[in-house]
């Protein structure tokens, strides 16, 4: 085993340090965030920081990094108060990863990567047509994290779109059946395999596998 201290971390080359620290959190959600400005210019960006914050009200959050360049996703969300989050699957992971390239604001990542913008329901922001599970959100709150300059963006889920056969009897989505991928580190995409679905944890009993 290898043990690394905070002193070791501080002395690492920056890209090596970023790769290490981005991998220790384990597998993360692989998502594309779609947005649009008031002039109709669309934007699409890959994120691995999307987290569930609550179900009532239905809230999701994600982290924006303190990049020196323009943050088109954040500026669009603050401008139009709406955005979409789209799961990444094996058929689109390369195009999804390419959205991380620093395109100028007048170049839509949809067009640059061959992904298709789709406008559904009342959401004014574009969904990714090729994505199997996707949801539209309205902007709720923004929190500046002073410790490192990152920004927590919180949105309220307004609509969810998914394959009908992926809805489980208990209300959860079978994201493995939908072929949703996970991300590790900065650049690795993974398929998943269900190990178990466990019963509710109680002090007087050990959890059991409750898969159908």
N, C-alpha and C. Protein backbone atom coordinates (compact mmCIF):
# COMPACT_ATOMS: atom_id res chain seq x y z
N UNK A 1 0.85 -1.20 0.00
CA UNK A 1 0.00 0.00 0.00
C UNK A 1 0.88 1.25 0.00
N UNK A 2 0.34 2.32 -0.56
CA UNK A 2 1.04 3.60 -0.59
C UNK A 2 0.25 4.61 0.24
N UNK A 3 0.95 5.39 1.06
CA UNK A 3 0.33 6.45 1.85
C UNK A 3 0.88 7.79 1.39
N UNK A 4 -0.01 8.72 1.09
CA UNK A 4 0.38 10.05 0.60
C UNK A 4 -0.18 11.10 1.56
N UNK A 5 0.65 12.04 1.95
CA UNK A 5 0.23 13.09 2.88
C UNK A 5 -0.11 14.37 2.13
N UNK A 6 -0.70 15.31 2.84
CA UNK A 6 -1.05 16.59 2.23
C UNK A 6 0.20 17.33 1.74
N UNK A 7 1.33 17.11 2.42
CA UNK A 7 2.59 17.71 1.97
C UNK A 7 2.99 17.13 0.62
N UNK A 8 2.86 15.82 0.48
CA UNK A 8 3.16 15.17 -0.81
C UNK A 8 2.27 15.73 -1.91
N UNK A 9 0.98 15.88 -1.60
CA UNK A 9 0.02 16.38 -2.58
C UNK A 9 0.39 17.78 -3.05
N UNK A 10 0.77 18.63 -2.10
CA UNK A 10 1.09 20.02 -2.44
C UNK A 10 2.31 20.14 -3.34
N UNK A 11 3.18 19.13 -3.33
CA UNK A 11 4.41 19.17 -4.12
C UNK A 11 4.27 18.46 -5.47
N UNK A 12 3.10 17.90 -5.75
CA UNK A 12 2.90 17.19 -7.02
C UNK A 12 2.76 18.15 -8.19
N UNK A 13 3.13 17.67 -9.37
CA UNK A 13 2.86 18.42 -10.61
C UNK A 13 1.35 18.59 -10.73
N UNK A 14 0.90 19.73 -11.22
CA UNK A 14 -0.52 20.09 -11.14
C UNK A 14 -1.45 19.10 -11.83
N UNK A 15 -1.09 18.63 -13.02
CA UNK A 15 -1.97 17.70 -13.73
C UNK A 15 -2.01 16.33 -13.03
N UNK A 16 -0.87 15.90 -12.51
CA UNK A 16 -0.82 14.64 -11.77
C UNK A 16 -1.68 14.75 -10.52
N UNK A 17 -1.55 15.88 -9.81
CA UNK A 17 -2.35 16.10 -8.60
C UNK A 17 -3.84 16.10 -8.91
N UNK A 18 -4.22 16.77 -9.99
CA UNK A 18 -5.63 16.83 -10.38
C UNK A 18 -6.17 15.44 -10.71
N UNK A 19 -5.38 14.64 -11.41
CA UNK A 19 -5.81 13.29 -11.77
C UNK A 19 -6.00 12.43 -10.52
N UNK A 20 -5.08 12.55 -9.57
CA UNK A 20 -5.17 11.78 -8.34
C UNK A 20 -6.40 12.18 -7.53
N UNK A 21 -6.55 13.47 -7.29
CA UNK A 21 -7.64 13.94 -6.43
C UNK A 21 -9.01 13.72 -7.07
N UNK A 22 -9.08 13.77 -8.40
CA UNK A 22 -10.35 13.53 -9.07
C UNK A 22 -10.75 12.06 -9.04
N UNK A 23 -9.80 11.17 -8.77
CA UNK A 23 -10.12 9.74 -8.78
C UNK A 23 -10.47 9.19 -7.40
N UNK A 24 -10.09 9.86 -6.32
CA UNK A 24 -10.29 9.27 -5.00
C UNK A 24 -11.76 9.30 -4.55
N UNK A 25 -12.60 10.08 -5.21
CA UNK A 25 -14.02 10.09 -4.83
C UNK A 25 -14.77 8.89 -5.39
N UNK A 26 -14.12 8.10 -6.25
CA UNK A 26 -14.76 6.91 -6.80
C UNK A 26 -15.54 7.22 -8.06
N UNK A 27 -16.46 6.30 -8.42
CA UNK A 27 -17.26 6.50 -9.62
C UNK A 27 -18.23 7.65 -9.42
N UNK A 28 -18.40 8.44 -10.49
CA UNK A 28 -19.27 9.61 -10.44
C UNK A 28 -20.26 9.57 -11.60
N UNK A 29 -21.33 10.34 -11.48
CA UNK A 29 -22.32 10.39 -12.55
C UNK A 29 -21.71 11.04 -13.79
N UNK A 30 -22.09 10.52 -14.94
CA UNK A 30 -21.63 11.05 -16.23
C UNK A 30 -22.79 11.80 -16.87
N UNK A 31 -22.70 13.11 -16.91
CA UNK A 31 -23.83 13.92 -17.36
C UNK A 31 -23.42 14.99 -18.35
N UNK A 32 -24.34 15.31 -19.24
CA UNK A 32 -24.21 16.47 -20.13
C UNK A 32 -25.23 17.51 -19.70
N UNK A 33 -24.77 18.74 -19.47
CA UNK A 33 -25.68 19.82 -19.10
C UNK A 33 -25.91 20.70 -20.32
N UNK A 34 -27.17 20.81 -20.72
CA UNK A 34 -27.55 21.62 -21.86
C UNK A 34 -28.12 22.95 -21.41
N UNK A 35 -27.73 24.02 -22.08
CA UNK A 35 -28.22 25.35 -21.73
C UNK A 35 -28.34 26.21 -22.98
N UNK A 36 -28.93 27.38 -22.82
CA UNK A 36 -29.16 28.28 -23.95
C UNK A 36 -29.17 29.70 -23.42
N UNK A 37 -28.69 30.66 -24.23
CA UNK A 37 -28.76 32.05 -23.80
C UNK A 37 -30.00 32.72 -24.40
N UNK A 38 -30.21 33.97 -24.08
CA UNK A 38 -31.43 34.65 -24.53
C UNK A 38 -31.44 34.93 -26.02
N UNK A 39 -30.30 34.79 -26.68
CA UNK A 39 -30.25 34.98 -28.13
C UNK A 39 -30.46 33.66 -28.88
N UNK A 40 -30.58 32.55 -28.16
CA UNK A 40 -30.82 31.26 -28.78
C UNK A 40 -29.57 30.43 -29.02
N UNK A 41 -28.41 30.89 -28.55
CA UNK A 41 -27.16 30.14 -28.72
C UNK A 41 -27.12 29.01 -27.69
N UNK A 42 -27.00 27.77 -28.17
CA UNK A 42 -27.00 26.61 -27.27
C UNK A 42 -25.59 26.27 -26.80
N UNK A 43 -25.53 25.59 -25.67
CA UNK A 43 -24.27 25.16 -25.08
C UNK A 43 -24.45 23.77 -24.48
N UNK A 44 -23.42 22.96 -24.53
CA UNK A 44 -23.47 21.62 -23.96
C UNK A 44 -22.12 21.32 -23.32
N UNK A 45 -22.13 20.81 -22.10
CA UNK A 45 -20.87 20.57 -21.39
C UNK A 45 -20.98 19.32 -20.52
N UNK A 46 -19.88 18.55 -20.47
CA UNK A 46 -19.85 17.34 -19.66
C UNK A 46 -19.52 17.70 -18.21
N UNK A 47 -20.23 17.07 -17.27
CA UNK A 47 -20.00 17.28 -15.84
C UNK A 47 -20.01 15.93 -15.13
N UNK A 48 -19.17 15.81 -14.11
CA UNK A 48 -19.17 14.59 -13.29
C UNK A 48 -19.48 14.91 -11.84
N UNK A 49 -20.06 16.08 -11.60
CA UNK A 49 -20.30 16.53 -10.22
C UNK A 49 -21.78 16.65 -9.87
N UNK A 50 -22.66 16.10 -10.71
CA UNK A 50 -24.10 16.20 -10.44
C UNK A 50 -24.46 15.34 -9.23
N UNK A 51 -25.21 15.93 -8.28
CA UNK A 51 -25.61 15.20 -7.07
C UNK A 51 -27.08 15.46 -6.75
N UNK A 52 -27.70 14.45 -6.15
CA UNK A 52 -29.09 14.57 -5.68
C UNK A 52 -29.08 15.28 -4.33
N UNK A 53 -29.90 16.32 -4.20
CA UNK A 53 -29.93 17.09 -2.95
C UNK A 53 -31.22 16.90 -2.17
N UNK A 54 -32.26 16.39 -2.80
CA UNK A 54 -33.52 16.18 -2.09
C UNK A 54 -34.62 15.82 -3.06
N UNK A 55 -35.67 15.18 -2.52
CA UNK A 55 -36.78 14.73 -3.36
C UNK A 55 -38.04 15.56 -3.19
N UNK A 56 -38.17 16.28 -2.10
CA UNK A 56 -39.37 17.10 -1.87
C UNK A 56 -38.99 18.40 -1.17
N UNK A 57 -38.69 19.45 -1.95
CA UNK A 57 -38.80 19.56 -3.41
C UNK A 57 -37.67 18.78 -4.11
N UNK A 58 -37.89 18.43 -5.40
CA UNK A 58 -36.88 17.66 -6.13
C UNK A 58 -35.71 18.55 -6.57
N UNK A 59 -34.57 18.38 -5.93
CA UNK A 59 -33.43 19.27 -6.17
C UNK A 59 -32.19 18.49 -6.59
N UNK A 60 -31.47 19.04 -7.54
CA UNK A 60 -30.18 18.50 -7.98
C UNK A 60 -29.15 19.62 -7.94
N UNK A 61 -27.91 19.26 -7.67
CA UNK A 61 -26.84 20.25 -7.65
C UNK A 61 -25.68 19.82 -8.51
N UNK A 62 -24.86 20.78 -8.91
CA UNK A 62 -23.60 20.46 -9.58
C UNK A 62 -22.61 21.57 -9.28
N UNK A 63 -21.33 21.27 -9.48
CA UNK A 63 -20.26 22.21 -9.16
C UNK A 63 -19.65 22.78 -10.43
N UNK A 64 -19.53 24.11 -10.47
CA UNK A 64 -18.79 24.79 -11.54
C UNK A 64 -17.41 25.14 -11.01
N UNK A 65 -16.40 24.87 -11.79
CA UNK A 65 -15.02 25.14 -11.38
C UNK A 65 -14.67 26.61 -11.64
N UNK A 66 -13.69 27.14 -10.91
CA UNK A 66 -13.29 28.54 -11.08
C UNK A 66 -12.34 28.73 -12.25
N UNK A 67 -12.78 28.37 -13.45
CA UNK A 67 -11.92 28.51 -14.63
C UNK A 67 -11.69 29.98 -14.95
N UNK A 68 -10.55 30.27 -15.54
CA UNK A 68 -10.26 31.65 -15.93
C UNK A 68 -11.02 32.04 -17.18
N UNK A 69 -11.43 31.04 -17.99
CA UNK A 69 -12.18 31.33 -19.20
C UNK A 69 -13.66 31.46 -18.89
N UNK A 70 -14.43 31.94 -19.86
CA UNK A 70 -15.86 32.11 -19.67
C UNK A 70 -16.53 30.78 -19.34
N UNK A 71 -17.42 30.81 -18.37
CA UNK A 71 -18.20 29.63 -18.01
C UNK A 71 -19.56 29.75 -18.68
N UNK A 72 -19.66 29.25 -19.91
CA UNK A 72 -20.87 29.45 -20.69
C UNK A 72 -22.08 28.77 -20.05
N UNK A 73 -21.90 27.59 -19.48
CA UNK A 73 -23.02 26.90 -18.84
C UNK A 73 -23.60 27.73 -17.72
N UNK A 74 -22.75 28.21 -16.82
CA UNK A 74 -23.22 28.99 -15.69
C UNK A 74 -23.86 30.29 -16.13
N UNK A 75 -23.22 31.00 -17.04
CA UNK A 75 -23.78 32.29 -17.48
C UNK A 75 -25.13 32.10 -18.16
N UNK A 76 -25.28 31.02 -18.94
CA UNK A 76 -26.56 30.75 -19.59
C UNK A 76 -27.65 30.44 -18.57
N UNK A 77 -27.31 29.64 -17.56
CA UNK A 77 -28.30 29.28 -16.54
C UNK A 77 -28.75 30.52 -15.78
N UNK A 78 -27.81 31.38 -15.42
CA UNK A 78 -28.17 32.59 -14.70
C UNK A 78 -28.99 33.54 -15.57
N UNK A 79 -28.78 33.46 -16.87
CA UNK A 79 -29.48 34.34 -17.81
C UNK A 79 -30.90 33.88 -18.09
N UNK A 80 -31.08 32.57 -18.29
CA UNK A 80 -32.40 32.05 -18.69
C UNK A 80 -33.13 31.29 -17.59
N UNK A 81 -32.42 30.96 -16.51
CA UNK A 81 -33.01 30.27 -15.35
C UNK A 81 -33.49 28.86 -15.67
N UNK A 82 -32.92 28.23 -16.68
CA UNK A 82 -33.33 26.87 -17.04
C UNK A 82 -32.15 26.11 -17.64
N UNK A 83 -32.17 24.79 -17.49
CA UNK A 83 -31.12 23.94 -18.09
C UNK A 83 -31.58 22.49 -18.05
N UNK A 84 -30.83 21.62 -18.73
CA UNK A 84 -31.15 20.20 -18.73
C UNK A 84 -29.94 19.39 -18.29
N UNK A 85 -30.20 18.22 -17.73
CA UNK A 85 -29.14 17.27 -17.40
C UNK A 85 -29.46 15.96 -18.12
N UNK A 86 -28.48 15.44 -18.85
CA UNK A 86 -28.68 14.30 -19.72
C UNK A 86 -27.65 13.21 -19.41
N UNK A 87 -28.12 11.98 -19.18
CA UNK A 87 -27.20 10.87 -18.91
C UNK A 87 -26.38 10.54 -20.16
N UNK A 88 -25.16 10.11 -19.93
CA UNK A 88 -24.26 9.69 -21.01
C UNK A 88 -24.27 8.16 -21.08
N UNK A 89 -24.36 7.62 -22.29
CA UNK A 89 -24.30 6.17 -22.47
C UNK A 89 -23.20 5.82 -23.46
N UNK A 90 -23.00 4.52 -23.68
CA UNK A 90 -21.86 4.06 -24.48
C UNK A 90 -21.88 4.57 -25.91
N UNK A 91 -23.05 4.89 -26.42
CA UNK A 91 -23.13 5.35 -27.80
C UNK A 91 -22.70 6.79 -28.02
N UNK A 92 -22.57 7.57 -26.92
CA UNK A 92 -22.27 9.00 -27.09
C UNK A 92 -21.11 9.48 -26.21
N UNK A 93 -20.40 8.56 -25.55
CA UNK A 93 -19.41 9.02 -24.57
C UNK A 93 -18.28 9.83 -25.20
N UNK A 94 -17.84 9.47 -26.41
CA UNK A 94 -16.74 10.22 -27.04
C UNK A 94 -17.19 11.63 -27.38
N UNK A 95 -18.38 11.76 -27.94
CA UNK A 95 -18.92 13.09 -28.25
C UNK A 95 -19.14 13.88 -26.97
N UNK A 96 -19.62 13.21 -25.93
CA UNK A 96 -19.83 13.88 -24.65
C UNK A 96 -18.51 14.41 -24.09
N UNK A 97 -17.48 13.59 -24.14
CA UNK A 97 -16.17 14.00 -23.64
C UNK A 97 -15.63 15.20 -24.42
N UNK A 98 -15.89 15.23 -25.71
CA UNK A 98 -15.39 16.31 -26.57
C UNK A 98 -16.00 17.66 -26.20
N UNK A 99 -17.16 17.66 -25.55
CA UNK A 99 -17.76 18.94 -25.16
C UNK A 99 -16.92 19.69 -24.14
N UNK A 100 -15.93 19.01 -23.54
CA UNK A 100 -15.04 19.67 -22.58
C UNK A 100 -14.03 20.57 -23.27
N UNK A 101 -13.91 20.45 -24.59
CA UNK A 101 -13.00 21.34 -25.33
C UNK A 101 -13.47 22.78 -25.20
N UNK A 102 -12.54 23.71 -25.22
CA UNK A 102 -12.87 25.12 -24.99
C UNK A 102 -13.30 25.80 -26.29
N UNK A 103 -14.51 25.53 -26.70
CA UNK A 103 -15.06 26.19 -27.89
C UNK A 103 -15.47 27.62 -27.53
N UNK A 104 -15.33 28.56 -28.48
CA UNK A 104 -15.83 29.91 -28.23
C UNK A 104 -17.34 29.90 -28.09
N UNK A 105 -17.89 30.94 -27.48
CA UNK A 105 -19.32 30.97 -27.17
C UNK A 105 -20.20 30.87 -28.41
N UNK A 106 -19.71 31.36 -29.55
CA UNK A 106 -20.54 31.33 -30.76
C UNK A 106 -20.53 29.97 -31.45
N UNK A 107 -19.79 29.01 -30.91
CA UNK A 107 -19.78 27.65 -31.45
C UNK A 107 -20.53 26.75 -30.48
N UNK A 108 -21.62 26.15 -30.93
CA UNK A 108 -22.39 25.24 -30.08
C UNK A 108 -21.72 23.88 -30.04
N UNK A 109 -21.56 23.35 -28.85
CA UNK A 109 -20.99 22.01 -28.70
C UNK A 109 -21.89 20.94 -29.34
N UNK A 110 -23.17 21.21 -29.43
CA UNK A 110 -24.06 20.28 -30.14
C UNK A 110 -23.57 20.10 -31.57
N UNK A 111 -23.39 21.22 -32.25
CA UNK A 111 -22.95 21.18 -33.64
C UNK A 111 -21.53 20.63 -33.76
N UNK A 112 -20.66 21.02 -32.84
CA UNK A 112 -19.26 20.62 -32.92
C UNK A 112 -19.06 19.12 -32.70
N UNK A 113 -19.94 18.50 -31.92
CA UNK A 113 -19.76 17.09 -31.58
C UNK A 113 -20.73 16.14 -32.28
N UNK A 114 -21.69 16.69 -33.00
CA UNK A 114 -22.66 15.85 -33.70
C UNK A 114 -23.83 15.39 -32.84
N UNK A 115 -23.93 15.88 -31.63
CA UNK A 115 -25.09 15.58 -30.79
C UNK A 115 -26.25 16.49 -31.19
N UNK A 116 -27.47 16.04 -30.94
CA UNK A 116 -28.65 16.73 -31.46
C UNK A 116 -29.41 17.44 -30.35
N UNK A 117 -29.61 18.76 -30.45
CA UNK A 117 -30.44 19.46 -29.47
C UNK A 117 -31.91 19.11 -29.67
N UNK A 118 -32.62 18.95 -28.59
CA UNK A 118 -34.03 18.58 -28.64
C UNK A 118 -34.79 19.41 -27.62
N UNK A 119 -35.85 20.05 -28.06
CA UNK A 119 -36.65 20.89 -27.16
C UNK A 119 -37.96 20.17 -26.87
N UNK A 120 -38.19 19.88 -25.59
CA UNK A 120 -39.33 19.06 -25.18
C UNK A 120 -40.12 19.79 -24.10
N UNK A 121 -41.44 19.71 -24.20
CA UNK A 121 -42.30 20.26 -23.17
C UNK A 121 -42.12 21.74 -22.97
N UNK A 122 -42.10 22.15 -21.72
CA UNK A 122 -42.02 23.58 -21.41
C UNK A 122 -40.59 24.05 -21.19
N UNK A 123 -39.63 23.14 -21.18
CA UNK A 123 -38.24 23.51 -20.93
C UNK A 123 -37.66 24.25 -22.13
N UNK A 124 -37.14 25.44 -21.89
CA UNK A 124 -36.58 26.24 -22.97
C UNK A 124 -35.14 25.85 -23.31
N UNK A 125 -34.50 25.10 -22.43
CA UNK A 125 -33.12 24.67 -22.68
C UNK A 125 -33.13 23.37 -23.49
N UNK A 126 -32.06 23.11 -24.24
CA UNK A 126 -32.03 21.92 -25.09
C UNK A 126 -31.67 20.65 -24.32
N UNK A 127 -32.41 19.59 -24.60
CA UNK A 127 -32.03 18.25 -24.17
C UNK A 127 -31.10 17.66 -25.23
N UNK A 128 -30.42 16.56 -24.88
CA UNK A 128 -29.65 15.79 -25.86
C UNK A 128 -30.55 14.68 -26.38
N UNK A 129 -30.89 14.74 -27.65
CA UNK A 129 -31.82 13.77 -28.23
C UNK A 129 -31.35 12.34 -28.01
N UNK A 130 -30.05 12.11 -28.15
CA UNK A 130 -29.51 10.75 -28.07
C UNK A 130 -29.47 10.19 -26.64
N UNK A 131 -29.63 11.04 -25.64
CA UNK A 131 -29.56 10.58 -24.25
C UNK A 131 -30.82 9.78 -23.90
N UNK A 132 -30.65 8.72 -23.10
CA UNK A 132 -31.78 7.87 -22.75
C UNK A 132 -32.54 8.37 -21.52
N UNK A 133 -31.83 8.93 -20.56
CA UNK A 133 -32.46 9.50 -19.37
C UNK A 133 -32.05 10.97 -19.27
N UNK A 134 -33.03 11.85 -19.15
CA UNK A 134 -32.74 13.28 -19.14
C UNK A 134 -33.83 14.01 -18.35
N UNK A 135 -33.47 15.17 -17.83
CA UNK A 135 -34.46 15.93 -17.06
C UNK A 135 -34.18 17.42 -17.17
N UNK A 136 -35.27 18.19 -17.13
CA UNK A 136 -35.18 19.64 -17.22
C UNK A 136 -35.31 20.26 -15.84
N UNK A 137 -34.57 21.34 -15.63
CA UNK A 137 -34.55 21.99 -14.32
C UNK A 137 -34.73 23.50 -14.44
N UNK A 138 -35.26 24.08 -13.39
CA UNK A 138 -35.28 25.53 -13.25
C UNK A 138 -34.24 25.93 -12.21
N UNK A 139 -33.55 27.03 -12.46
CA UNK A 139 -32.51 27.49 -11.54
C UNK A 139 -33.13 27.86 -10.20
N UNK A 140 -32.52 27.41 -9.11
CA UNK A 140 -33.04 27.70 -7.77
C UNK A 140 -32.08 28.58 -6.96
N UNK A 141 -30.82 28.15 -6.84
CA UNK A 141 -29.86 28.89 -6.02
C UNK A 141 -28.45 28.72 -6.55
N UNK A 142 -27.60 29.67 -6.21
CA UNK A 142 -26.16 29.61 -6.50
C UNK A 142 -25.40 29.94 -5.23
N UNK A 143 -24.42 29.10 -4.90
CA UNK A 143 -23.63 29.31 -3.69
C UNK A 143 -22.15 29.35 -4.04
N UNK A 144 -21.49 30.44 -3.72
CA UNK A 144 -20.06 30.58 -3.96
C UNK A 144 -19.29 29.95 -2.80
N UNK A 145 -18.43 28.99 -3.11
CA UNK A 145 -17.63 28.33 -2.09
C UNK A 145 -16.28 29.04 -1.99
N UNK A 146 -16.13 29.83 -0.96
CA UNK A 146 -14.96 30.70 -0.85
C UNK A 146 -13.66 29.93 -0.66
N UNK A 147 -13.73 28.69 -0.19
CA UNK A 147 -12.51 27.93 0.08
C UNK A 147 -11.68 27.69 -1.18
N UNK A 148 -12.34 27.55 -2.34
CA UNK A 148 -11.58 27.32 -3.58
C UNK A 148 -12.17 28.01 -4.80
N UNK A 149 -13.18 28.83 -4.61
CA UNK A 149 -13.74 29.59 -5.72
C UNK A 149 -14.73 28.83 -6.58
N UNK A 150 -15.03 27.57 -6.23
CA UNK A 150 -16.02 26.83 -7.01
C UNK A 150 -17.42 27.32 -6.67
N UNK A 151 -18.38 26.94 -7.49
CA UNK A 151 -19.75 27.41 -7.35
C UNK A 151 -20.70 26.22 -7.35
N UNK A 152 -21.55 26.13 -6.35
CA UNK A 152 -22.60 25.12 -6.29
C UNK A 152 -23.87 25.69 -6.90
N UNK A 153 -24.33 25.05 -7.97
CA UNK A 153 -25.57 25.47 -8.63
C UNK A 153 -26.66 24.46 -8.27
N UNK A 154 -27.79 24.95 -7.80
CA UNK A 154 -28.90 24.10 -7.40
C UNK A 154 -30.10 24.36 -8.30
N UNK A 155 -30.70 23.29 -8.81
CA UNK A 155 -31.87 23.42 -9.66
C UNK A 155 -33.01 22.55 -9.18
N UNK A 156 -34.23 22.96 -9.51
CA UNK A 156 -35.43 22.18 -9.20
C UNK A 156 -35.83 21.39 -10.43
N UNK A 157 -36.03 20.09 -10.26
CA UNK A 157 -36.41 19.23 -11.38
C UNK A 157 -37.85 19.54 -11.78
N UNK A 158 -38.04 19.87 -13.06
CA UNK A 158 -39.36 20.22 -13.58
C UNK A 158 -39.98 19.11 -14.42
N UNK A 159 -39.16 18.31 -15.09
CA UNK A 159 -39.68 17.19 -15.88
C UNK A 159 -38.57 16.16 -16.07
N UNK A 160 -38.97 14.89 -16.16
CA UNK A 160 -38.03 13.78 -16.33
C UNK A 160 -38.48 12.94 -17.53
N UNK A 161 -37.52 12.57 -18.38
CA UNK A 161 -37.82 11.78 -19.58
C UNK A 161 -36.95 10.53 -19.55
N UNK A 162 -37.56 9.36 -19.73
CA UNK A 162 -36.82 8.11 -19.65
C UNK A 162 -37.58 7.01 -20.37
N UNK A 163 -36.91 5.91 -20.75
CA UNK A 163 -37.59 4.77 -21.37
C UNK A 163 -38.59 4.15 -20.39
N UNK A 164 -39.79 3.89 -20.85
CA UNK A 164 -40.84 3.37 -19.98
C UNK A 164 -40.43 2.10 -19.26
N UNK A 165 -39.70 1.23 -19.95
CA UNK A 165 -39.34 -0.06 -19.34
C UNK A 165 -38.19 0.04 -18.35
N UNK A 166 -37.70 1.25 -18.10
CA UNK A 166 -36.63 1.43 -17.12
C UNK A 166 -37.15 1.84 -15.74
N UNK A 167 -38.47 2.03 -15.62
CA UNK A 167 -39.05 2.40 -14.33
C UNK A 167 -39.34 1.15 -13.51
N UNK A 168 -38.71 1.04 -12.35
CA UNK A 168 -38.89 -0.12 -11.48
C UNK A 168 -40.14 0.04 -10.61
N UNK A 169 -40.70 -1.06 -10.10
CA UNK A 169 -41.91 -0.99 -9.28
C UNK A 169 -41.79 -0.09 -8.05
N UNK A 170 -40.59 0.05 -7.51
CA UNK A 170 -40.42 0.87 -6.31
C UNK A 170 -40.22 2.35 -6.63
N UNK A 171 -40.23 2.71 -7.93
CA UNK A 171 -40.09 4.10 -8.32
C UNK A 171 -38.72 4.48 -8.82
N UNK A 172 -37.72 3.65 -8.56
CA UNK A 172 -36.36 3.95 -9.03
C UNK A 172 -36.24 3.66 -10.52
N UNK A 173 -35.24 4.28 -11.14
CA UNK A 173 -34.96 4.00 -12.54
C UNK A 173 -33.85 2.96 -12.64
N UNK A 174 -33.99 2.04 -13.56
CA UNK A 174 -32.95 1.05 -13.83
C UNK A 174 -31.94 1.69 -14.77
N UNK A 175 -30.98 2.41 -14.20
CA UNK A 175 -30.04 3.16 -15.03
C UNK A 175 -29.07 2.24 -15.76
N UNK A 176 -28.88 1.04 -15.24
CA UNK A 176 -28.04 0.07 -15.95
C UNK A 176 -28.73 -0.39 -17.23
N UNK A 177 -30.04 -0.62 -17.16
CA UNK A 177 -30.80 -1.01 -18.34
C UNK A 177 -30.79 0.10 -19.37
N UNK A 178 -30.75 1.35 -18.90
CA UNK A 178 -30.70 2.50 -19.79
C UNK A 178 -29.30 2.74 -20.35
N UNK A 179 -28.35 1.91 -19.95
CA UNK A 179 -26.97 1.95 -20.43
C UNK A 179 -26.21 3.20 -19.98
N UNK A 180 -26.65 3.79 -18.87
CA UNK A 180 -25.95 4.95 -18.34
C UNK A 180 -24.54 4.57 -17.90
N UNK A 181 -23.57 5.42 -18.23
CA UNK A 181 -22.18 5.20 -17.84
C UNK A 181 -21.83 5.97 -16.58
N UNK A 182 -20.71 5.60 -15.98
CA UNK A 182 -20.13 6.34 -14.86
C UNK A 182 -18.76 6.86 -15.28
N UNK A 183 -18.29 7.88 -14.57
CA UNK A 183 -16.98 8.48 -14.82
C UNK A 183 -16.08 8.25 -13.61
N UNK A 184 -14.81 7.97 -13.85
CA UNK A 184 -13.81 8.02 -12.78
C UNK A 184 -12.69 8.94 -13.23
N UNK A 185 -12.12 9.64 -12.25
CA UNK A 185 -11.06 10.58 -12.59
C UNK A 185 -11.55 11.66 -13.54
N UNK A 186 -10.68 12.02 -14.48
CA UNK A 186 -11.00 13.09 -15.43
C UNK A 186 -11.39 12.58 -16.81
N UNK A 187 -11.07 11.32 -17.11
CA UNK A 187 -11.18 10.90 -18.50
C UNK A 187 -11.57 9.45 -18.72
N UNK A 188 -12.05 8.76 -17.68
CA UNK A 188 -12.36 7.33 -17.80
C UNK A 188 -13.86 7.10 -17.68
N UNK A 189 -14.41 6.34 -18.63
CA UNK A 189 -15.85 6.05 -18.68
C UNK A 189 -16.07 4.56 -18.45
N UNK A 190 -17.09 4.21 -17.66
CA UNK A 190 -17.28 2.83 -17.22
C UNK A 190 -18.71 2.37 -17.39
N UNK A 191 -18.86 1.10 -17.83
CA UNK A 191 -20.14 0.41 -17.70
C UNK A 191 -20.31 -0.01 -16.25
N UNK A 192 -21.55 -0.32 -15.86
CA UNK A 192 -21.79 -0.76 -14.48
C UNK A 192 -22.43 -2.14 -14.46
N UNK A 193 -22.33 -2.81 -13.31
CA UNK A 193 -22.98 -4.11 -13.13
C UNK A 193 -23.55 -4.17 -11.72
N UNK A 194 -24.84 -4.45 -11.63
CA UNK A 194 -25.51 -4.52 -10.34
C UNK A 194 -24.95 -5.67 -9.51
N UNK A 195 -24.56 -5.39 -8.28
CA UNK A 195 -24.07 -6.41 -7.36
C UNK A 195 -25.22 -6.92 -6.48
N UNK A 196 -26.02 -6.00 -5.97
CA UNK A 196 -27.15 -6.37 -5.12
C UNK A 196 -28.07 -5.17 -4.96
N UNK A 197 -29.30 -5.44 -4.60
CA UNK A 197 -30.24 -4.41 -4.17
C UNK A 197 -30.70 -4.83 -2.78
N UNK A 198 -30.36 -4.04 -1.77
CA UNK A 198 -30.51 -4.48 -0.39
C UNK A 198 -31.75 -3.91 0.28
N UNK A 199 -32.25 -4.66 1.24
CA UNK A 199 -33.40 -4.23 2.04
C UNK A 199 -33.02 -3.06 2.93
N UNK A 200 -34.03 -2.37 3.44
CA UNK A 200 -33.83 -1.21 4.30
C UNK A 200 -33.04 -1.61 5.55
N UNK A 201 -32.00 -0.86 5.86
CA UNK A 201 -31.14 -1.20 6.99
C UNK A 201 -31.83 -0.91 8.33
N UNK A 202 -31.84 -1.90 9.21
CA UNK A 202 -32.42 -1.77 10.55
C UNK A 202 -31.42 -2.30 11.58
N UNK A 203 -31.42 -1.76 12.80
CA UNK A 203 -30.45 -2.19 13.81
C UNK A 203 -30.55 -3.67 14.17
N UNK A 204 -31.74 -4.27 14.08
CA UNK A 204 -31.93 -5.64 14.55
C UNK A 204 -31.93 -6.68 13.44
N UNK A 205 -31.55 -6.30 12.23
CA UNK A 205 -31.51 -7.29 11.14
C UNK A 205 -30.45 -6.92 10.13
N UNK A 206 -29.91 -7.95 9.47
CA UNK A 206 -28.89 -7.75 8.45
C UNK A 206 -29.58 -7.57 7.09
N UNK A 207 -29.09 -6.66 6.22
CA UNK A 207 -29.76 -6.45 4.94
C UNK A 207 -29.74 -7.69 4.05
N UNK A 208 -30.83 -7.87 3.30
CA UNK A 208 -30.96 -8.99 2.37
C UNK A 208 -31.07 -8.48 0.94
N UNK A 209 -30.63 -9.30 0.01
CA UNK A 209 -30.76 -8.96 -1.40
C UNK A 209 -32.23 -9.09 -1.79
N UNK A 210 -32.81 -8.01 -2.29
CA UNK A 210 -34.25 -8.00 -2.60
C UNK A 210 -34.50 -7.85 -4.09
N UNK A 211 -33.52 -8.22 -4.90
CA UNK A 211 -33.74 -8.18 -6.34
C UNK A 211 -34.86 -9.14 -6.72
N UNK A 212 -35.67 -8.72 -7.70
CA UNK A 212 -36.78 -9.57 -8.17
C UNK A 212 -36.24 -10.81 -8.85
